[in-house]
C-alpha cells in the first residue's frame, strides 16, 4: 500500500486498476482499499472492493483535516503460508487500466492463441 499525510485530504480520492487474473483459492481473499486515518491513527473510514477479473474503481471522500493519513493499496488475508509454499494458494495480477487500443490488442492476442490451439 501507499501512505501519505496531508496530501489527499478533503478530496474525493479514486483508486482504480485492472485485475488481469485472481487465482487465489478459498483459503485467501484479496481487496483493493482506501483508508482515511485520524492523525493519531485512533480511527479511520474505509472503502474496499473484492478483486475479481476486470476493471475496479473505488472512491472515498476524505476528511479535510491536514493531519490525516491516507492509505490506498491491496490487502490479502487468509491462512498463514510459508513464502516457499505459496504457489498452490494462487495469486493476483493487477495493472493499470488498459487504454481502449491495448484492450483490442489483448483481445486480438487471445483470438490468435485460440486459433493456434485449434490448428
N, C-alpha and C. Protein backbone atom coordinates (compact mmCIF):
# COMPACT_ATOMS: atom_id res chain seq x y z
N UNK A 1 0.83 -1.18 0.00
CA UNK A 1 0.00 0.00 0.00
C UNK A 1 0.88 1.24 0.00
N UNK A 2 0.26 2.35 -0.33
CA UNK A 2 0.90 3.67 -0.29
C UNK A 2 0.27 4.45 0.85
N UNK A 3 1.05 5.26 1.53
CA UNK A 3 0.51 6.13 2.57
C UNK A 3 1.04 7.54 2.39
N UNK A 4 0.14 8.51 2.53
CA UNK A 4 0.52 9.92 2.50
C UNK A 4 -0.11 10.61 3.71
N UNK A 5 0.46 11.71 4.12
CA UNK A 5 -0.10 12.51 5.20
C UNK A 5 -0.34 13.92 4.68
N UNK A 6 -1.58 14.36 4.75
CA UNK A 6 -1.93 15.72 4.34
C UNK A 6 -1.97 15.95 2.85
N UNK A 7 -1.85 14.92 2.03
CA UNK A 7 -1.80 15.12 0.58
C UNK A 7 -3.18 15.04 -0.05
N UNK A 8 -3.93 13.99 0.21
CA UNK A 8 -5.23 13.79 -0.45
C UNK A 8 -6.40 14.17 0.45
N UNK A 9 -6.16 14.96 1.49
CA UNK A 9 -7.22 15.32 2.43
C UNK A 9 -8.23 16.27 1.78
N UNK A 10 -9.50 16.09 2.16
CA UNK A 10 -10.56 16.95 1.65
C UNK A 10 -10.88 16.74 0.18
N UNK A 11 -10.61 15.55 -0.34
CA UNK A 11 -10.87 15.27 -1.76
C UNK A 11 -11.73 14.01 -1.89
N UNK A 12 -12.24 13.80 -3.07
CA UNK A 12 -12.84 12.51 -3.42
C UNK A 12 -11.73 11.72 -4.11
N UNK A 13 -11.07 10.86 -3.35
CA UNK A 13 -9.94 10.10 -3.87
C UNK A 13 -10.43 8.84 -4.56
N UNK A 14 -10.01 8.64 -5.80
CA UNK A 14 -10.39 7.45 -6.57
C UNK A 14 -9.16 6.59 -6.80
N UNK A 15 -9.30 5.30 -6.55
CA UNK A 15 -8.25 4.31 -6.77
C UNK A 15 -8.81 3.30 -7.75
N UNK A 16 -8.12 3.12 -8.87
CA UNK A 16 -8.63 2.21 -9.89
C UNK A 16 -7.50 1.40 -10.50
N UNK A 17 -7.87 0.29 -11.09
CA UNK A 17 -6.90 -0.59 -11.74
C UNK A 17 -7.62 -1.66 -12.51
N UNK A 18 -6.85 -2.63 -12.96
CA UNK A 18 -7.38 -3.72 -13.77
C UNK A 18 -6.82 -5.03 -13.25
N UNK A 19 -7.69 -5.94 -12.88
CA UNK A 19 -7.28 -7.26 -12.39
C UNK A 19 -7.19 -8.19 -13.60
N UNK A 20 -5.95 -8.55 -13.94
CA UNK A 20 -5.73 -9.46 -15.07
C UNK A 20 -6.21 -10.87 -14.69
N UNK A 21 -5.77 -11.33 -13.52
CA UNK A 21 -6.20 -12.64 -13.00
C UNK A 21 -6.24 -12.58 -11.48
N UNK A 22 -7.08 -13.42 -10.91
CA UNK A 22 -7.10 -13.63 -9.47
C UNK A 22 -7.39 -15.11 -9.27
N UNK A 23 -6.34 -15.87 -8.97
CA UNK A 23 -6.47 -17.32 -8.83
C UNK A 23 -6.37 -17.77 -7.37
N UNK A 24 -6.54 -16.84 -6.42
CA UNK A 24 -6.49 -17.24 -5.02
C UNK A 24 -7.55 -18.30 -4.74
N UNK A 25 -7.21 -19.27 -3.92
CA UNK A 25 -8.16 -20.30 -3.52
C UNK A 25 -9.08 -19.73 -2.44
N UNK A 26 -10.01 -20.55 -2.00
CA UNK A 26 -10.94 -20.13 -0.95
C UNK A 26 -10.23 -19.84 0.37
N UNK A 27 -8.96 -20.24 0.50
CA UNK A 27 -8.19 -20.01 1.72
C UNK A 27 -7.76 -18.55 1.87
N UNK A 28 -7.88 -17.76 0.79
CA UNK A 28 -7.43 -16.35 0.83
C UNK A 28 -8.41 -15.46 0.07
N UNK A 29 -8.44 -14.21 0.45
CA UNK A 29 -9.21 -13.22 -0.31
C UNK A 29 -8.34 -11.97 -0.42
N UNK A 30 -8.56 -11.21 -1.48
CA UNK A 30 -7.77 -10.01 -1.69
C UNK A 30 -8.68 -8.86 -2.11
N UNK A 31 -8.37 -7.66 -1.61
CA UNK A 31 -9.19 -6.48 -1.88
C UNK A 31 -8.31 -5.31 -2.28
N UNK A 32 -8.92 -4.33 -2.93
CA UNK A 32 -8.32 -3.01 -3.10
C UNK A 32 -9.01 -2.12 -2.08
N UNK A 33 -8.26 -1.20 -1.46
CA UNK A 33 -8.86 -0.38 -0.42
C UNK A 33 -8.33 1.05 -0.44
N UNK A 34 -9.10 1.95 0.18
CA UNK A 34 -8.66 3.30 0.55
C UNK A 34 -9.05 3.46 2.01
N UNK A 35 -8.10 3.95 2.83
CA UNK A 35 -8.37 4.21 4.25
C UNK A 35 -7.95 5.63 4.58
N UNK A 36 -8.78 6.29 5.38
CA UNK A 36 -8.53 7.66 5.85
C UNK A 36 -8.40 7.61 7.37
N UNK A 37 -7.16 7.66 7.89
CA UNK A 37 -6.89 7.56 9.32
C UNK A 37 -6.82 8.93 9.97
N UNK A 38 -7.32 9.01 11.21
CA UNK A 38 -7.14 10.21 12.02
C UNK A 38 -5.64 10.43 12.24
N UNK A 39 -5.26 11.65 12.60
CA UNK A 39 -3.83 11.96 12.74
C UNK A 39 -3.12 11.08 13.75
N UNK A 40 -3.83 10.58 14.78
CA UNK A 40 -3.21 9.69 15.77
C UNK A 40 -3.52 8.22 15.50
N UNK A 41 -4.08 7.90 14.34
CA UNK A 41 -4.45 6.54 13.92
C UNK A 41 -5.50 5.90 14.84
N UNK A 42 -6.21 6.69 15.63
CA UNK A 42 -7.19 6.13 16.56
C UNK A 42 -8.49 5.69 15.88
N UNK A 43 -8.76 6.19 14.70
CA UNK A 43 -9.97 5.81 13.97
C UNK A 43 -9.73 5.99 12.47
N UNK A 44 -10.61 5.39 11.69
CA UNK A 44 -10.47 5.55 10.24
C UNK A 44 -11.79 5.26 9.56
N UNK A 45 -11.92 5.76 8.33
CA UNK A 45 -13.00 5.39 7.43
C UNK A 45 -12.37 4.65 6.27
N UNK A 46 -13.12 3.77 5.67
CA UNK A 46 -12.54 2.95 4.60
C UNK A 46 -13.59 2.59 3.56
N UNK A 47 -13.11 2.26 2.39
CA UNK A 47 -13.92 1.65 1.35
C UNK A 47 -13.05 0.60 0.68
N UNK A 48 -13.67 -0.45 0.18
CA UNK A 48 -12.90 -1.52 -0.46
C UNK A 48 -13.76 -2.25 -1.48
N UNK A 49 -13.10 -3.04 -2.30
CA UNK A 49 -13.78 -3.86 -3.29
C UNK A 49 -12.98 -5.15 -3.44
N UNK A 50 -13.69 -6.28 -3.54
CA UNK A 50 -13.04 -7.56 -3.80
C UNK A 50 -12.46 -7.54 -5.21
N UNK A 51 -11.30 -8.14 -5.38
CA UNK A 51 -10.64 -8.12 -6.68
C UNK A 51 -11.08 -9.32 -7.52
N UNK A 52 -11.89 -9.02 -8.51
CA UNK A 52 -12.31 -10.02 -9.49
C UNK A 52 -11.78 -9.57 -10.85
N UNK A 53 -11.57 -10.49 -11.78
CA UNK A 53 -11.02 -10.09 -13.08
C UNK A 53 -11.83 -8.96 -13.73
N UNK A 54 -11.10 -7.99 -14.26
CA UNK A 54 -11.70 -6.83 -14.90
C UNK A 54 -11.31 -5.56 -14.18
N UNK A 55 -11.92 -4.47 -14.58
CA UNK A 55 -11.61 -3.16 -14.01
C UNK A 55 -12.26 -3.00 -12.64
N UNK A 56 -11.57 -2.26 -11.75
CA UNK A 56 -12.17 -1.87 -10.48
C UNK A 56 -11.93 -0.38 -10.27
N UNK A 57 -12.82 0.24 -9.51
CA UNK A 57 -12.70 1.66 -9.19
C UNK A 57 -13.43 1.90 -7.88
N UNK A 58 -12.74 2.50 -6.91
CA UNK A 58 -13.36 2.86 -5.64
C UNK A 58 -13.03 4.32 -5.34
N UNK A 59 -13.95 4.99 -4.66
CA UNK A 59 -13.77 6.40 -4.31
C UNK A 59 -14.13 6.60 -2.85
N UNK A 60 -13.33 7.41 -2.15
CA UNK A 60 -13.59 7.75 -0.76
C UNK A 60 -13.49 9.26 -0.61
N UNK A 61 -14.52 9.88 0.00
CA UNK A 61 -14.46 11.30 0.33
C UNK A 61 -13.64 11.43 1.61
N UNK A 62 -12.45 11.99 1.51
CA UNK A 62 -11.53 12.05 2.65
C UNK A 62 -11.80 13.29 3.51
N UNK A 63 -11.38 13.20 4.76
CA UNK A 63 -11.53 14.31 5.70
C UNK A 63 -10.65 15.48 5.28
N UNK A 64 -11.07 16.69 5.62
CA UNK A 64 -10.29 17.88 5.29
C UNK A 64 -9.20 18.17 6.32
N UNK A 65 -9.06 17.35 7.36
CA UNK A 65 -8.05 17.54 8.40
C UNK A 65 -6.66 17.28 7.81
N UNK A 66 -5.80 18.29 7.82
CA UNK A 66 -4.47 18.20 7.21
C UNK A 66 -3.58 17.13 7.83
N UNK A 67 -3.88 16.69 9.06
CA UNK A 67 -3.06 15.68 9.71
C UNK A 67 -3.45 14.25 9.41
N UNK A 68 -4.50 14.06 8.61
CA UNK A 68 -4.97 12.70 8.32
C UNK A 68 -3.98 11.95 7.43
N UNK A 69 -3.94 10.64 7.65
CA UNK A 69 -3.09 9.73 6.88
C UNK A 69 -3.99 8.96 5.92
N UNK A 70 -3.67 9.01 4.65
CA UNK A 70 -4.45 8.32 3.63
C UNK A 70 -3.64 7.15 3.10
N UNK A 71 -4.24 5.96 3.14
CA UNK A 71 -3.61 4.76 2.58
C UNK A 71 -4.48 4.24 1.45
N UNK A 72 -3.84 3.71 0.40
CA UNK A 72 -4.56 3.00 -0.64
C UNK A 72 -3.66 1.89 -1.15
N UNK A 73 -4.27 0.76 -1.49
CA UNK A 73 -3.48 -0.37 -1.95
C UNK A 73 -4.28 -1.65 -1.94
N UNK A 74 -3.58 -2.76 -1.68
CA UNK A 74 -4.17 -4.09 -1.75
C UNK A 74 -3.92 -4.83 -0.45
N UNK A 75 -4.86 -5.67 -0.07
CA UNK A 75 -4.74 -6.46 1.14
C UNK A 75 -5.19 -7.88 0.85
N UNK A 76 -4.35 -8.84 1.21
CA UNK A 76 -4.69 -10.25 1.07
C UNK A 76 -4.74 -10.86 2.47
N UNK A 77 -5.82 -11.54 2.77
CA UNK A 77 -5.97 -12.19 4.08
C UNK A 77 -6.29 -13.65 3.87
N UNK A 78 -5.94 -14.45 4.86
CA UNK A 78 -6.24 -15.88 4.79
C UNK A 78 -5.32 -16.66 5.70
N UNK A 79 -5.21 -17.95 5.44
CA UNK A 79 -4.39 -18.83 6.26
C UNK A 79 -2.92 -18.46 6.11
N UNK A 80 -2.15 -18.70 7.16
CA UNK A 80 -0.71 -18.45 7.11
C UNK A 80 -0.03 -19.48 6.22
N UNK A 81 0.89 -19.01 5.39
CA UNK A 81 1.60 -19.88 4.46
C UNK A 81 3.06 -19.44 4.43
N UNK A 82 3.98 -20.39 4.50
CA UNK A 82 5.40 -20.06 4.32
C UNK A 82 5.59 -19.51 2.91
N UNK A 83 6.48 -18.54 2.76
CA UNK A 83 6.69 -17.92 1.44
C UNK A 83 7.15 -18.93 0.40
N UNK A 84 7.73 -20.04 0.82
CA UNK A 84 8.17 -21.08 -0.11
C UNK A 84 7.01 -21.97 -0.57
N UNK A 85 5.84 -21.85 0.07
CA UNK A 85 4.71 -22.73 -0.22
C UNK A 85 3.49 -22.00 -0.76
N UNK A 86 3.66 -20.84 -1.37
CA UNK A 86 2.52 -20.02 -1.78
C UNK A 86 1.86 -20.47 -3.09
N UNK A 87 2.59 -21.13 -3.97
CA UNK A 87 2.08 -21.45 -5.30
C UNK A 87 0.72 -22.15 -5.30
N UNK A 88 0.46 -23.16 -4.47
CA UNK A 88 -0.85 -23.82 -4.53
C UNK A 88 -2.03 -22.94 -4.10
N UNK A 89 -1.75 -21.79 -3.48
CA UNK A 89 -2.82 -20.94 -2.98
C UNK A 89 -3.21 -19.84 -3.97
N UNK A 90 -2.51 -19.72 -5.10
CA UNK A 90 -2.86 -18.77 -6.14
C UNK A 90 -2.22 -17.41 -5.96
N UNK A 91 -2.61 -16.49 -6.84
CA UNK A 91 -2.10 -15.12 -6.79
C UNK A 91 -3.05 -14.20 -7.56
N UNK A 92 -2.74 -12.92 -7.53
CA UNK A 92 -3.50 -11.94 -8.31
C UNK A 92 -2.52 -11.11 -9.12
N UNK A 93 -2.89 -10.81 -10.35
CA UNK A 93 -2.08 -9.95 -11.22
C UNK A 93 -2.92 -8.71 -11.51
N UNK A 94 -2.39 -7.55 -11.09
CA UNK A 94 -3.13 -6.29 -11.18
C UNK A 94 -2.27 -5.28 -11.93
N UNK A 95 -2.89 -4.48 -12.78
CA UNK A 95 -2.17 -3.48 -13.55
C UNK A 95 -3.03 -2.22 -13.65
N UNK A 96 -2.51 -1.23 -14.32
CA UNK A 96 -3.30 -0.04 -14.58
C UNK A 96 -4.40 -0.39 -15.58
N UNK A 97 -5.40 0.45 -15.68
CA UNK A 97 -6.48 0.19 -16.62
C UNK A 97 -5.95 0.37 -18.03
N UNK A 98 -6.05 -0.68 -18.87
CA UNK A 98 -5.54 -0.55 -20.24
C UNK A 98 -6.32 0.48 -21.05
N UNK A 99 -5.64 1.10 -21.98
CA UNK A 99 -6.32 2.00 -22.90
C UNK A 99 -7.17 1.18 -23.86
N UNK A 100 -8.17 1.78 -24.52
CA UNK A 100 -9.00 1.01 -25.46
C UNK A 100 -8.17 0.29 -26.52
N UNK A 101 -7.12 0.92 -27.01
CA UNK A 101 -6.28 0.27 -28.02
C UNK A 101 -5.59 -0.97 -27.46
N UNK A 102 -5.15 -0.89 -26.21
CA UNK A 102 -4.49 -2.04 -25.58
C UNK A 102 -5.49 -3.17 -25.36
N UNK A 103 -6.74 -2.83 -25.03
CA UNK A 103 -7.75 -3.87 -24.86
C UNK A 103 -7.98 -4.60 -26.18
N UNK A 104 -7.97 -3.88 -27.29
CA UNK A 104 -8.14 -4.52 -28.59
C UNK A 104 -6.99 -5.48 -28.86
N UNK A 105 -5.77 -5.06 -28.51
CA UNK A 105 -4.62 -5.93 -28.71
C UNK A 105 -4.71 -7.18 -27.84
N UNK A 106 -5.18 -7.02 -26.58
CA UNK A 106 -5.37 -8.19 -25.71
C UNK A 106 -6.38 -9.14 -26.32
N UNK A 107 -7.47 -8.62 -26.85
CA UNK A 107 -8.49 -9.45 -27.49
C UNK A 107 -7.95 -10.13 -28.72
N UNK A 108 -7.18 -9.42 -29.53
CA UNK A 108 -6.58 -10.00 -30.72
C UNK A 108 -5.59 -11.08 -30.34
N UNK A 109 -4.81 -10.85 -29.29
CA UNK A 109 -3.85 -11.87 -28.82
C UNK A 109 -4.56 -13.13 -28.38
N UNK A 110 -5.70 -12.99 -27.71
CA UNK A 110 -6.48 -14.15 -27.29
C UNK A 110 -7.05 -14.90 -28.48
N UNK A 111 -7.50 -14.16 -29.50
CA UNK A 111 -8.03 -14.78 -30.70
C UNK A 111 -6.94 -15.56 -31.42
N UNK A 112 -5.75 -15.00 -31.54
CA UNK A 112 -4.63 -15.69 -32.19
C UNK A 112 -4.27 -16.94 -31.42
N UNK A 113 -4.21 -16.85 -30.09
CA UNK A 113 -3.87 -18.01 -29.26
C UNK A 113 -4.91 -19.11 -29.42
N UNK A 114 -6.18 -18.74 -29.51
CA UNK A 114 -7.25 -19.73 -29.68
C UNK A 114 -7.13 -20.41 -31.02
N UNK A 115 -6.86 -19.64 -32.05
CA UNK A 115 -6.73 -20.23 -33.40
C UNK A 115 -5.53 -21.15 -33.49
N UNK A 116 -4.43 -20.81 -32.82
CA UNK A 116 -3.25 -21.68 -32.84
C UNK A 116 -3.54 -23.00 -32.16
N UNK A 117 -4.33 -22.98 -31.06
CA UNK A 117 -4.67 -24.22 -30.36
C UNK A 117 -5.53 -25.12 -31.23
N UNK A 118 -6.41 -24.51 -32.02
CA UNK A 118 -7.32 -25.32 -32.87
C UNK A 118 -6.58 -25.91 -34.06
N UNK A 119 -5.50 -25.27 -34.48
CA UNK A 119 -4.78 -25.71 -35.68
C UNK A 119 -4.00 -26.97 -35.44
